[in-house]
Amino acid sequence: MKKFYIVRHGETEYNRKGMVQGSGIDAPLNETGLQQAEAFYQKYKNMSFDKIYVSNLVRTEQSVQKFIDSGIPYESLADLREISWGIQEGVAFTLETSTVYQETAQKWAEGDLSARIDGGETPGEVAERQQRAFDYILSKPDEEEQIILICIHGRAIRILLCWMLNYPLSMMDNFPHKNLGLYVVNHAGNQYSIEVFNEVGHLKSID
């Protein structure tokens, strides 16, 4: 069995300002994000992680940097990056500017998974590349990588958990996420199961 500790990256200035981020914006963590990363590290620094995987966006690597610095081997996989929001990236979440974003997300929730923002990805396209990444991760020898830390992105986590649990992607909003919030997912045979659901207790001192 493999156990995946899956966390969202820490806060960036785009998060703080309420702006669409996506895969096209490679923003670093802000001061709060660094504090969240430290809080997560202090809580889980004694966990015997065998490997770390992050996306190819800097905010994910920064969020688990202390684990990397402790000597745990890691890889950056482009297929784990956030969904592309196309022309909405860098746009503020307001009624005037994010209408297309909100309408597209609503279409997904209603089952229209072919909807996309201009220049962006569909949930199915994200799921396809995530599955490619996990095929790679799961191809590693079990004895070498049993407890794995993965740091990715908010919408990416929602999509990831849907296909892992064989839920329709239209149900992705049933999986809340918070910066440095944790899901623990077990994998045995061909089955995934959630052990820990959006754990944020380690962040209480920062809220």
C-alpha atoms as a PDB file:
ATOM      1  CA  MET A   1       0.000   0.000   0.000  1.00  0.00           C
ATOM      2  CA  LYS A   2       1.097   3.539  -0.708  1.00  0.00           C
ATOM      3  CA  LYS A   3       0.001   6.489   1.393  1.00  0.00           C
ATOM      4  CA  PHE A   4      -0.182   9.920  -0.231  1.00  0.00           C
ATOM      5  CA  TYR A   5      -0.048  13.094   1.853  1.00  0.00           C
ATOM      6  CA  ILE A   6      -1.536  15.651  -0.557  1.00  0.00           C
ATOM      7  CA  VAL A   7      -1.329  19.334   0.343  1.00  0.00           C
ATOM      8  CA  ARG A   8      -2.168  22.553  -1.400  1.00  0.00           C
ATOM      9  CA  HIS A   9       0.605  25.131  -1.686  1.00  0.00           C
ATOM     10  CA  GLY A  10       0.826  28.063   0.736  1.00  0.00           C
ATOM     11  CA  GLU A  11      -0.668  31.479   0.199  1.00  0.00           C
ATOM     12  CA  THR A  12       0.618  33.786  -2.537  1.00  0.00           C
ATOM     13  CA  GLU A  13      -0.161  37.441  -3.118  1.00  0.00           C
ATOM     14  CA  TYR A  14      -2.587  36.363  -5.835  1.00  0.00           C
ATOM     15  CA  ASN A  15      -4.450  34.306  -3.229  1.00  0.00           C
ATOM     16  CA  ARG A  16      -4.408  37.151  -0.728  1.00  0.00           C
ATOM     17  CA  LYS A  17      -5.722  39.666  -3.251  1.00  0.00           C
ATOM     18  CA  GLY A  18      -8.403  37.308  -4.561  1.00  0.00           C
ATOM     19  CA  MET A  19      -7.015  36.895  -8.059  1.00  0.00           C
ATOM     20  CA  VAL A  20      -7.180  33.952 -10.446  1.00  0.00           C
ATOM     21  CA  GLN A  21      -3.813  32.207 -10.515  1.00  0.00           C
ATOM     22  CA  GLY A  22      -3.692  29.015 -12.575  1.00  0.00           C
ATOM     23  CA  SER A  23      -0.774  27.348 -14.281  1.00  0.00           C
ATOM     24  CA  GLY A  24       0.343  30.407 -16.214  1.00  0.00           C
ATOM     25  CA  ILE A  25       1.322  32.432 -13.147  1.00  0.00           C
ATOM     26  CA  ASP A  26       4.408  31.270 -11.274  1.00  0.00           C
ATOM     27  CA  ALA A  27       3.938  33.292  -8.090  1.00  0.00           C
ATOM     28  CA  PRO A  28       6.052  32.674  -4.965  1.00  0.00           C
ATOM     29  CA  LEU A  29       4.671  32.314  -1.457  1.00  0.00           C
ATOM     30  CA  ASN A  30       4.020  35.485   0.527  1.00  0.00           C
ATOM     31  CA  GLU A  31       4.835  35.847   4.227  1.00  0.00           C
ATOM     32  CA  THR A  32       1.635  34.105   5.301  1.00  0.00           C
ATOM     33  CA  GLY A  33       2.348  31.282   2.882  1.00  0.00           C
ATOM     34  CA  LEU A  34       5.797  30.814   4.374  1.00  0.00           C
ATOM     35  CA  GLN A  35       4.260  30.698   7.861  1.00  0.00           C
ATOM     36  CA  GLN A  36       1.766  28.073   6.677  1.00  0.00           C
ATOM     37  CA  ALA A  37       4.609  26.035   5.222  1.00  0.00           C
ATOM     38  CA  GLU A  38       6.477  26.253   8.518  1.00  0.00           C
ATOM     39  CA  ALA A  39       3.391  25.193  10.482  1.00  0.00           C
ATOM     40  CA  PHE A  40       2.904  22.181   8.238  1.00  0.00           C
ATOM     41  CA  TYR A  41       6.570  21.264   8.553  1.00  0.00           C
ATOM     42  CA  GLN A  42       6.501  21.462  12.348  1.00  0.00           C
ATOM     43  CA  LYS A  43       3.447  19.201  12.454  1.00  0.00           C
ATOM     44  CA  TYR A  44       4.729  16.567  10.030  1.00  0.00           C
ATOM     45  CA  LYS A  45       8.529  16.817  10.199  1.00  0.00           C
ATOM     46  CA  ASN A  46       8.784  13.455  11.940  1.00  0.00           C
ATOM     47  CA  MET A  47       6.742  11.682   9.282  1.00  0.00           C
ATOM     48  CA  SER A  48       8.950   9.257   7.363  1.00  0.00           C
ATOM     49  CA  PHE A  49       8.258  10.473   3.845  1.00  0.00           C
ATOM     50  CA  ASP A  50      10.059   8.380   1.240  1.00  0.00           C
ATOM     51  CA  LYS A  51       9.625  10.819  -1.651  1.00  0.00           C
ATOM     52  CA  ILE A  52       8.217  14.253  -2.457  1.00  0.00           C
ATOM     53  CA  TYR A  53       6.515  15.291  -5.674  1.00  0.00           C
ATOM     54  CA  VAL A  54       5.669  18.886  -6.568  1.00  0.00           C
ATOM     55  CA  SER A  55       4.379  20.633  -9.668  1.00  0.00           C
ATOM     56  CA  ASN A  56       6.643  22.741 -11.857  1.00  0.00           C
ATOM     57  CA  LEU A  57       5.382  25.955 -10.229  1.00  0.00           C
ATOM     58  CA  VAL A  58       7.585  27.484  -7.540  1.00  0.00           C
ATOM     59  CA  ARG A  59       4.862  27.890  -4.926  1.00  0.00           C
ATOM     60  CA  THR A  60       4.584  24.118  -4.498  1.00  0.00           C
ATOM     61  CA  GLU A  61       8.285  23.523  -4.006  1.00  0.00           C
ATOM     62  CA  GLN A  62       8.543  26.439  -1.552  1.00  0.00           C
ATOM     63  CA  SER A  63       5.690  24.968   0.483  1.00  0.00           C
ATOM     64  CA  VAL A  64       7.639  21.775   1.236  1.00  0.00           C
ATOM     65  CA  GLN A  65      11.165  23.212   1.029  1.00  0.00           C
ATOM     66  CA  LYS A  66      12.099  22.274   4.596  1.00  0.00           C
ATOM     67  CA  PHE A  67      11.274  18.634   3.923  1.00  0.00           C
ATOM     68  CA  ILE A  68      13.431  18.787   0.795  1.00  0.00           C
ATOM     69  CA  ASP A  69      16.215  20.448   2.752  1.00  0.00           C
ATOM     70  CA  SER A  70      16.101  17.592   5.265  1.00  0.00           C
ATOM     71  CA  GLY A  71      17.288  15.264   2.519  1.00  0.00           C
ATOM     72  CA  ILE A  72      14.064  13.678   1.268  1.00  0.00           C
ATOM     73  CA  PRO A  73      14.377  13.064  -2.490  1.00  0.00           C
ATOM     74  CA  TYR A  74      11.932  14.975  -4.654  1.00  0.00           C
ATOM     75  CA  GLU A  75      10.819  15.441  -8.239  1.00  0.00           C
ATOM     76  CA  SER A  76       8.999  18.215 -10.049  1.00  0.00           C
ATOM     77  CA  LEU A  77       6.346  16.959 -12.477  1.00  0.00           C
ATOM     78  CA  ALA A  78       4.795  19.363 -14.968  1.00  0.00           C
ATOM     79  CA  ASP A  79       1.707  17.144 -15.166  1.00  0.00           C
ATOM     80  CA  LEU A  80       0.899  18.062 -11.538  1.00  0.00           C
ATOM     81  CA  ARG A  81       0.584  21.793 -12.285  1.00  0.00           C
ATOM     82  CA  GLU A  82      -2.609  23.754 -11.669  1.00  0.00           C
ATOM     83  CA  ILE A  83      -5.377  23.940 -14.250  1.00  0.00           C
ATOM     84  CA  SER A  84      -4.905  26.628 -16.871  1.00  0.00           C
ATOM     85  CA  TRP A  85      -7.525  29.342 -16.537  1.00  0.00           C
ATOM     86  CA  GLY A  86      -6.540  30.863 -19.864  1.00  0.00           C
ATOM     87  CA  ILE A  87      -7.457  34.519 -20.311  1.00  0.00           C
ATOM     88  CA  GLN A  88      -8.802  34.697 -16.740  1.00  0.00           C
ATOM     89  CA  GLU A  89      -5.389  34.246 -15.129  1.00  0.00           C
ATOM     90  CA  GLY A  90      -4.314  37.321 -13.218  1.00  0.00           C
ATOM     91  CA  VAL A  91      -7.898  38.622 -13.084  1.00  0.00           C
ATOM     92  CA  ALA A  92      -9.510  39.652  -9.798  1.00  0.00           C
ATOM     93  CA  PHE A  93     -12.476  37.692  -8.447  1.00  0.00           C
ATOM     94  CA  THR A  94     -15.162  40.364  -8.858  1.00  0.00           C
ATOM     95  CA  LEU A  95     -18.626  40.332 -10.387  1.00  0.00           C
ATOM     96  CA  GLU A  96     -17.355  42.565 -13.168  1.00  0.00           C
ATOM     97  CA  THR A  97     -14.158  40.729 -14.089  1.00  0.00           C
ATOM     98  CA  SER A  98     -14.584  37.036 -13.242  1.00  0.00           C
ATOM     99  CA  THR A  99     -17.977  36.331 -14.812  1.00  0.00           C
ATOM    100  CA  VAL A 100     -16.476  33.934 -17.367  1.00  0.00           C
ATOM    101  CA  TYR A 101     -14.609  32.086 -14.614  1.00  0.00           C
ATOM    102  CA  GLN A 102     -17.745  31.724 -12.479  1.00  0.00           C
ATOM    103  CA  GLU A 103     -19.910  30.692 -15.416  1.00  0.00           C
ATOM    104  CA  THR A 104     -17.411  28.051 -16.519  1.00  0.00           C
ATOM    105  CA  ALA A 105     -17.099  26.588 -13.015  1.00  0.00           C
ATOM    106  CA  GLN A 106     -20.908  26.461 -12.802  1.00  0.00           C
ATOM    107  CA  LYS A 107     -21.116  24.610 -16.120  1.00  0.00           C
ATOM    108  CA  TRP A 108     -18.675  22.030 -14.788  1.00  0.00           C
ATOM    109  CA  ALA A 109     -20.788  21.567 -11.651  1.00  0.00           C
ATOM    110  CA  GLU A 110     -23.825  21.049 -13.878  1.00  0.00           C
ATOM    111  CA  GLY A 111     -22.025  18.354 -15.867  1.00  0.00           C
ATOM    112  CA  ASP A 112     -20.823  20.304 -18.896  1.00  0.00           C
ATOM    113  CA  LEU A 113     -17.200  19.236 -18.648  1.00  0.00           C
ATOM    114  CA  SER A 114     -16.433  20.339 -22.193  1.00  0.00           C
ATOM    115  CA  ALA A 115     -16.686  23.989 -21.154  1.00  0.00           C
ATOM    116  CA  ARG A 116     -13.422  25.887 -21.099  1.00  0.00           C
ATOM    117  CA  ILE A 117     -12.170  29.439 -20.751  1.00  0.00           C
ATOM    118  CA  ASP A 118     -10.398  30.762 -23.839  1.00  0.00           C
ATOM    119  CA  GLY A 119      -6.839  29.475 -23.712  1.00  0.00           C
ATOM    120  CA  GLY A 120      -7.581  27.259 -20.708  1.00  0.00           C
ATOM    121  CA  GLU A 121      -8.020  23.578 -19.914  1.00  0.00           C
ATOM    122  CA  THR A 122     -11.033  21.412 -19.244  1.00  0.00           C
ATOM    123  CA  PRO A 123     -11.189  19.277 -16.070  1.00  0.00           C
ATOM    124  CA  GLY A 124     -10.834  16.164 -18.222  1.00  0.00           C
ATOM    125  CA  GLU A 125      -7.586  17.410 -19.703  1.00  0.00           C
ATOM    126  CA  VAL A 126      -6.211  18.065 -16.219  1.00  0.00           C
ATOM    127  CA  ALA A 127      -7.321  14.607 -15.031  1.00  0.00           C
ATOM    128  CA  GLU A 128      -5.624  12.991 -18.027  1.00  0.00           C
ATOM    129  CA  ARG A 129      -2.244  14.521 -17.284  1.00  0.00           C
ATOM    130  CA  GLN A 130      -2.617  13.844 -13.544  1.00  0.00           C
ATOM    131  CA  GLN A 131      -3.269  10.184 -14.300  1.00  0.00           C
ATOM    132  CA  ARG A 132      -0.129  10.167 -16.428  1.00  0.00           C
ATOM    133  CA  ALA A 133       1.810  11.592 -13.466  1.00  0.00           C
ATOM    134  CA  PHE A 134       0.412   8.973 -11.085  1.00  0.00           C
ATOM    135  CA  ASP A 135       1.158   6.168 -13.521  1.00  0.00           C
ATOM    136  CA  TYR A 136       4.756   7.343 -13.259  1.00  0.00           C
ATOM    137  CA  ILE A 137       4.658   7.665  -9.452  1.00  0.00           C
ATOM    138  CA  LEU A 138       3.045   4.247  -9.012  1.00  0.00           C
ATOM    139  CA  SER A 139       5.604   2.629 -11.315  1.00  0.00           C
ATOM    140  CA  LYS A 140       8.250   3.113  -8.631  1.00  0.00           C
ATOM    141  CA  PRO A 141       9.172   0.077  -6.468  1.00  0.00           C
ATOM    142  CA  ASP A 142       6.860  -0.183  -3.462  1.00  0.00           C
ATOM    143  CA  GLU A 143       9.689  -0.809  -1.044  1.00  0.00           C
ATOM    144  CA  GLU A 144      11.290   2.512  -1.958  1.00  0.00           C
ATOM    145  CA  GLU A 145       8.271   4.803  -1.926  1.00  0.00           C
ATOM    146  CA  GLN A 146       5.524   3.901   0.523  1.00  0.00           C
ATOM    147  CA  ILE A 147       4.750   7.276   2.131  1.00  0.00           C
ATOM    148  CA  ILE A 148       4.707  10.079  -0.396  1.00  0.00           C
ATOM    149  CA  LEU A 149       4.235  13.820   0.084  1.00  0.00           C
ATOM    150  CA  ILE A 150       2.651  15.650  -2.844  1.00  0.00           C
ATOM    151  CA  CYS A 151       2.226  19.416  -3.000  1.00  0.00           C
ATOM    152  CA  ILE A 152      -0.009  20.744  -5.752  1.00  0.00           C
ATOM    153  CA  HIS A 153      -2.856  23.232  -6.260  1.00  0.00           C
ATOM    154  CA  GLY A 154      -6.460  23.874  -5.236  1.00  0.00           C
ATOM    155  CA  ARG A 155      -8.443  23.052  -8.366  1.00  0.00           C
ATOM    156  CA  ALA A 156      -5.943  20.324  -9.173  1.00  0.00           C
ATOM    157  CA  ILE A 157      -6.653  18.650  -5.819  1.00  0.00           C
ATOM    158  CA  ARG A 158     -10.391  18.729  -6.472  1.00  0.00           C
ATOM    159  CA  ILE A 159      -9.967  17.084  -9.861  1.00  0.00           C
ATOM    160  CA  LEU A 160      -7.423  14.597  -8.514  1.00  0.00           C
ATOM    161  CA  LEU A 161      -9.685  13.352  -5.726  1.00  0.00           C
ATOM    162  CA  CYS A 162     -12.624  12.920  -8.099  1.00  0.00           C
ATOM    163  CA  TRP A 163     -10.894  10.546 -10.444  1.00  0.00           C
ATOM    164  CA  MET A 164      -9.111   8.758  -7.620  1.00  0.00           C
ATOM    165  CA  LEU A 165     -12.456   7.961  -5.989  1.00  0.00           C
ATOM    166  CA  ASN A 166     -14.276   7.345  -9.284  1.00  0.00           C
ATOM    167  CA  TYR A 167     -16.525  10.347  -8.763  1.00  0.00           C
ATOM    168  CA  PRO A 168     -17.718  12.346 -11.769  1.00  0.00           C
ATOM    169  CA  LEU A 169     -15.584  15.445 -12.249  1.00  0.00           C
ATOM    170  CA  SER A 170     -18.738  17.529 -11.855  1.00  0.00           C
ATOM    171  CA  MET A 171     -18.511  16.737  -8.115  1.00  0.00           C
ATOM    172  CA  MET A 172     -15.097  18.363  -7.681  1.00  0.00           C
ATOM    173  CA  ASP A 173     -16.453  21.201  -5.531  1.00  0.00           C
ATOM    174  CA  ASN A 174     -17.297  18.622  -2.843  1.00  0.00           C
ATOM    175  CA  PHE A 175     -13.602  18.641  -1.941  1.00  0.00           C
ATOM    176  CA  PRO A 176     -12.747  21.897  -0.143  1.00  0.00           C
ATOM    177  CA  HIS A 177      -9.180  23.048   0.116  1.00  0.00           C
ATOM    178  CA  LYS A 178      -7.149  25.570   2.033  1.00  0.00           C
ATOM    179  CA  ASN A 179      -3.560  26.729   1.635  1.00  0.00           C
ATOM    180  CA  LEU A 180      -1.459  23.974   3.220  1.00  0.00           C
ATOM    181  CA  GLY A 181      -4.579  21.947   3.998  1.00  0.00           C
ATOM    182  CA  LEU A 182      -3.971  18.185   3.954  1.00  0.00           C
ATOM    183  CA  TYR A 183      -5.678  15.158   2.435  1.00  0.00           C
ATOM    184  CA  VAL A 184      -4.293  11.694   3.119  1.00  0.00           C
ATOM    185  CA  VAL A 185      -5.141   9.115   0.465  1.00  0.00           C
ATOM    186  CA  ASN A 186      -4.343   5.403   0.600  1.00  0.00           C
ATOM    187  CA  HIS A 187      -3.689   3.343  -2.510  1.00  0.00           C
ATOM    188  CA  ALA A 188      -3.917  -0.449  -2.468  1.00  0.00           C
ATOM    189  CA  GLY A 189      -4.288  -2.575  -5.581  1.00  0.00           C
ATOM    190  CA  ASN A 190      -6.252  -0.361  -7.959  1.00  0.00           C
ATOM    191  CA  GLN A 191      -8.254   1.400  -5.258  1.00  0.00           C
ATOM    192  CA  TYR A 192      -7.855   4.800  -3.602  1.00  0.00           C
ATOM    193  CA  SER A 193      -9.495   5.792  -0.314  1.00  0.00           C
ATOM    194  CA  ILE A 194      -9.414   8.985   1.741  1.00  0.00           C
ATOM    195  CA  GLU A 195      -8.068   8.609   5.256  1.00  0.00           C
ATOM    196  CA  VAL A 196      -7.829  12.311   6.194  1.00  0.00           C
ATOM    197  CA  PHE A 197     -10.152  14.964   4.729  1.00  0.00           C
ATOM    198  CA  ASN A 198      -8.858  18.535   4.428  1.00  0.00           C
ATOM    199  CA  GLU A 199      -6.998  18.614   7.757  1.00  0.00           C
ATOM    200  CA  VAL A 200      -6.128  22.194   8.768  1.00  0.00           C
ATOM    201  CA  GLY A 201      -5.546  21.908  12.523  1.00  0.00           C
ATOM    202  CA  HIS A 202      -1.852  22.734  12.099  1.00  0.00           C
ATOM    203  CA  LEU A 203      -2.855  26.162  10.723  1.00  0.00           C
ATOM    204  CA  LYS A 204      -4.835  27.370  13.753  1.00  0.00           C
ATOM    205  CA  SER A 205      -2.070  29.634  15.004  1.00  0.00           C
ATOM    206  CA  ILE A 206      -2.007  31.463  11.670  1.00  0.00           C
ATOM    207  CA  ASP A 207      -5.734  32.010  11.070  1.00  0.00           C
END
